[in-house]
Amino acid sequence: MKAAPVTIAVDAGKVSGLLVAPADPRALYVLAHGAGAGMAHAFMEAAAQGLAERGIATLRYQFPYMERGSKRPDTPKVAHAAVRAAVAEAARRAPGIPLYAGGKSFGGRMTSQAQAAAPLEGVCGLAFLGFPLHAPGKPSDERAAHLADVKVPMLFLQGSRDDFASLDLLKPVVRKLGSRAKLVVLEDADHSFHVPAKSGRKDPEVLAEALDALATWMTA
């Protein structure tokens, strides 16, 4: 499905976006990219197209640093403002359609931080495509502290081999959040939802499993 280009006004100027909307979407997911790759990355494109096939629209967008071509991620303040601007643009373009927000790794964490600081208007829930709980090799759950201030439902889609989130740490975090949080573990997948050949599965199968869970959760 062809993506429609979108321009989003942010405090730092403007950033680009891509809207993929099937006919009569059941929900719209405001999808933020990870730290190292922008909204046009193959993973982001595959996620958007896969969700469209499941009746879910997506609005992908660039953080200001990515729009400039910089490799250094924005400060949380700048990133949070971009999240809010993208959510507002999504609401403007799809009135009456349930809104969800989140994204891949850094993008998901910036979205949850923004929501924790002040609720994103109209957003029904947050979905994380690999929540970066800690840096690789440095297990900690400090990055999850703000999630206690998120009062909307949350879905964590996490690979069992994700070196950015030890399941031994993430599972207790999700349990502590109670009924508003759900964890779906993608067996043998890493932070990029890649699986080794010996697993007997292929990456598209893992992504399909994740998107099935995401679409079901959004429309339940």
Protein backbone atom coordinates (compact mmCIF):
# COMPACT_ATOMS: atom_id res chain seq x y z
CA MET A 1 0.00 0.00 0.00
CA LYS A 2 1.40 3.38 -1.01
CA ALA A 3 2.49 5.69 1.80
CA ALA A 4 1.34 9.30 1.67
CA PRO A 5 3.99 11.89 2.63
CA VAL A 6 3.14 14.07 5.61
CA THR A 7 4.77 17.21 7.00
CA ILE A 8 4.63 17.67 10.76
CA ALA A 9 5.35 20.98 12.47
CA VAL A 10 7.61 20.65 15.52
CA ASP A 11 9.36 23.13 17.80
CA ALA A 12 12.56 22.70 15.81
CA GLY A 13 10.81 23.40 12.48
CA LYS A 14 9.30 20.56 10.45
CA VAL A 15 9.81 16.82 10.14
CA SER A 16 8.67 14.31 7.55
CA GLY A 17 6.10 11.59 8.04
CA LEU A 18 4.54 8.72 6.11
CA LEU A 19 0.89 7.79 6.46
CA VAL A 20 -0.27 4.33 5.42
CA ALA A 21 -4.03 4.01 5.76
CA PRO A 22 -6.18 1.10 4.60
CA ALA A 23 -9.85 1.65 3.84
CA ASP A 24 -11.87 2.01 7.06
CA PRO A 25 -8.96 1.51 9.49
CA ARG A 26 -9.80 0.08 12.89
CA ALA A 27 -7.06 2.06 14.61
CA LEU A 28 -4.11 4.34 13.87
CA TYR A 29 -0.67 3.64 15.30
CA VAL A 30 1.75 6.58 15.61
CA LEU A 31 5.00 4.73 15.00
CA ALA A 32 8.37 6.20 16.02
CA HIS A 33 11.68 4.89 14.71
CA GLY A 34 14.69 3.57 16.64
CA ALA A 35 17.86 5.50 17.39
CA GLY A 36 19.95 4.30 14.47
CA ALA A 37 17.53 4.20 11.53
CA GLY A 38 14.70 6.43 10.37
CA MET A 39 11.11 5.93 9.38
CA ALA A 40 11.98 4.53 5.92
CA HIS A 41 14.03 1.61 7.29
CA ALA A 42 12.96 -1.78 5.94
CA PHE A 43 11.68 -2.89 9.36
CA MET A 44 9.49 0.20 9.70
CA GLU A 45 8.16 -0.19 6.17
CA ALA A 46 7.38 -3.88 6.70
CA ALA A 47 5.62 -3.11 9.99
CA ALA A 48 3.50 -0.38 8.40
CA GLN A 49 2.52 -2.52 5.42
CA GLY A 50 1.82 -5.54 7.62
CA LEU A 51 -0.41 -3.51 9.91
CA ALA A 52 -2.28 -2.07 6.92
CA GLU A 53 -3.05 -5.63 5.83
CA ARG A 54 -4.54 -6.13 9.30
CA GLY A 55 -6.72 -3.03 9.09
CA ILE A 56 -4.45 -0.75 11.14
CA ALA A 57 -3.24 2.60 9.79
CA THR A 58 0.20 3.94 10.73
CA LEU A 59 1.80 7.36 10.85
CA ARG A 60 5.58 7.06 10.83
CA TYR A 61 7.68 10.17 11.41
CA GLN A 62 11.23 11.38 11.79
CA PHE A 63 12.70 12.76 14.96
CA PRO A 64 14.38 16.13 14.28
CA TYR A 65 17.94 14.74 14.48
CA MET A 66 17.13 12.10 11.87
CA GLU A 67 15.51 14.71 9.65
CA ARG A 68 18.76 16.68 9.78
CA GLY A 69 20.84 13.61 8.98
CA SER A 70 22.52 13.61 12.38
CA LYS A 71 23.52 10.40 14.16
CA ARG A 72 23.12 11.89 17.62
CA PRO A 73 19.61 11.40 19.01
CA ASP A 74 17.63 14.37 20.22
CA THR A 75 17.40 15.28 23.88
CA PRO A 76 14.31 13.87 25.59
CA LYS A 77 12.69 17.32 25.59
CA VAL A 78 13.00 17.64 21.80
CA ALA A 79 12.00 14.01 21.20
CA HIS A 80 8.94 14.29 23.46
CA ALA A 81 7.80 17.39 21.58
CA ALA A 82 8.09 15.51 18.29
CA VAL A 83 6.01 12.64 19.69
CA ARG A 84 3.29 15.08 20.73
CA ALA A 85 3.33 16.81 17.36
CA ALA A 86 3.01 13.48 15.52
CA VAL A 87 0.13 12.36 17.72
CA ALA A 88 -1.65 15.67 17.16
CA GLU A 89 -1.19 15.33 13.39
CA ALA A 90 -2.52 11.78 13.47
CA ALA A 91 -5.59 12.90 15.37
CA ARG A 92 -6.18 15.70 12.90
CA ARG A 93 -5.95 13.37 9.91
CA ALA A 94 -8.03 10.55 11.38
CA PRO A 95 -10.76 12.00 13.60
CA GLY A 96 -12.81 9.40 15.42
CA ILE A 97 -10.31 6.57 14.86
CA PRO A 98 -8.73 5.06 18.01
CA LEU A 99 -5.15 6.30 18.41
CA TYR A 100 -2.21 4.30 19.70
CA ALA A 101 1.42 5.36 19.93
CA GLY A 102 4.84 3.85 20.51
CA GLY A 103 7.51 2.49 18.25
CA LYS A 104 10.82 0.73 17.86
CA SER A 105 13.32 0.86 20.71
CA PHE A 106 14.31 4.53 21.28
CA GLY A 107 11.08 5.71 19.64
CA GLY A 108 8.97 3.62 21.96
CA ARG A 109 10.82 4.82 25.04
CA MET A 110 10.54 8.48 24.04
CA THR A 111 6.81 7.94 23.53
CA SER A 112 6.35 6.35 26.95
CA GLN A 113 8.37 9.12 28.60
CA ALA A 114 6.20 11.75 26.91
CA GLN A 115 3.04 9.94 28.02
CA ALA A 116 4.35 9.65 31.58
CA ALA A 117 5.12 13.37 31.72
CA ALA A 118 1.66 14.39 30.45
CA PRO A 119 -0.93 12.20 28.70
CA LEU A 120 -0.82 12.24 24.91
CA GLU A 121 -4.21 13.58 23.91
CA GLY A 122 -6.53 10.93 22.53
CA VAL A 123 -4.06 8.05 22.80
CA CYS A 124 -5.71 4.81 23.97
CA GLY A 125 -2.54 2.84 24.61
CA LEU A 126 1.18 2.41 23.94
CA ALA A 127 2.84 -0.43 22.02
CA PHE A 128 6.58 -1.12 22.06
CA LEU A 129 8.38 -3.02 19.30
CA GLY A 130 11.33 -3.97 21.46
CA PHE A 131 11.46 -1.78 24.58
CA PRO A 132 15.09 -0.78 25.36
CA LEU A 133 15.14 -1.53 29.06
CA HIS A 134 18.93 -1.19 29.31
CA ALA A 135 22.08 -0.94 27.24
CA PRO A 136 23.51 -4.25 25.97
CA GLY A 137 25.64 -5.89 28.63
CA LYS A 138 24.45 -3.48 31.33
CA PRO A 139 21.33 -5.06 32.85
CA SER A 140 19.17 -2.63 34.80
CA ASP A 141 15.53 -1.67 35.09
CA GLU A 142 16.07 2.04 35.79
CA ARG A 143 14.72 3.02 32.36
CA ALA A 144 11.36 1.53 33.36
CA ALA A 145 10.79 3.78 36.37
CA HIS A 146 8.65 6.25 34.42
CA LEU A 147 6.26 3.51 33.26
CA ALA A 148 4.54 3.65 36.65
CA ASP A 149 3.22 7.06 35.58
CA VAL A 150 1.74 5.73 32.34
CA LYS A 151 -1.95 5.11 33.00
CA VAL A 152 -3.02 3.78 29.59
CA PRO A 153 -2.66 0.12 28.49
CA MET A 154 0.77 -0.97 27.27
CA LEU A 155 1.89 -3.83 25.03
CA PHE A 156 5.51 -5.03 25.07
CA LEU A 157 6.56 -7.09 22.03
CA GLN A 158 9.95 -8.45 23.00
CA GLY A 159 12.40 -10.96 21.57
CA SER A 160 13.62 -13.65 23.93
CA ARG A 161 17.23 -12.94 22.82
CA ASP A 162 16.94 -9.15 23.04
CA ASP A 163 20.19 -7.87 24.56
CA PHE A 164 18.50 -4.51 25.27
CA ALA A 165 16.00 -6.13 27.64
CA SER A 166 16.75 -9.13 29.80
CA LEU A 167 13.49 -10.99 30.29
CA ASP A 168 14.55 -11.68 33.88
CA LEU A 169 14.24 -7.92 34.43
CA LEU A 170 11.42 -7.08 32.03
CA LYS A 171 8.95 -9.68 33.26
CA PRO A 172 8.90 -8.28 36.84
CA VAL A 173 8.53 -4.75 35.42
CA VAL A 174 5.46 -5.80 33.45
CA ARG A 175 3.99 -7.70 36.42
CA LYS A 176 4.40 -4.64 38.62
CA LEU A 177 2.45 -2.55 36.10
CA GLY A 178 -0.53 -4.84 36.63
CA SER A 179 -3.47 -5.33 34.32
CA ARG A 180 -2.61 -2.32 32.14
CA ALA A 181 0.52 -4.04 30.76
CA LYS A 182 0.93 -7.13 28.59
CA LEU A 183 4.14 -8.85 27.46
CA VAL A 184 4.35 -10.95 24.29
CA VAL A 185 7.65 -12.84 23.99
CA LEU A 186 8.88 -13.62 20.48
CA GLU A 187 10.90 -16.79 20.86
CA ASP A 188 14.49 -16.74 19.54
CA ALA A 189 14.16 -13.14 18.30
CA ASP A 190 16.72 -10.44 19.04
CA HIS A 191 16.19 -6.68 19.41
CA SER A 192 15.56 -6.35 15.66
CA PHE A 193 13.16 -9.33 15.67
CA HIS A 194 15.80 -11.33 13.79
CA VAL A 195 15.95 -15.08 14.42
CA PRO A 196 18.89 -17.42 13.72
CA ALA A 197 18.53 -20.05 11.01
CA LYS A 198 18.76 -22.84 13.60
CA SER A 199 15.48 -21.63 15.12
CA GLY A 200 13.61 -23.06 12.14
CA ARG A 201 11.81 -19.76 11.61
CA LYS A 202 12.37 -16.76 9.37
CA ASP A 203 12.26 -13.06 10.23
CA PRO A 204 9.00 -12.37 8.32
CA GLU A 205 7.26 -15.06 10.40
CA VAL A 206 8.39 -13.39 13.61
CA LEU A 207 7.25 -9.98 12.43
CA ALA A 208 3.89 -11.45 11.40
CA GLU A 209 3.51 -12.95 14.88
CA ALA A 210 4.28 -9.57 16.44
CA LEU A 211 1.88 -7.69 14.17
CA ASP A 212 -0.90 -10.23 14.73
CA ALA A 213 -0.52 -9.68 18.48
CA LEU A 214 -0.40 -5.91 18.05
CA ALA A 215 -3.51 -5.72 15.82
CA THR A 216 -5.44 -8.05 18.11
CA TRP A 217 -4.50 -6.03 21.18
CA MET A 218 -5.48 -2.73 19.58
CA THR A 219 -8.89 -3.96 18.49
CA ALA A 220 -9.80 -6.18 21.45
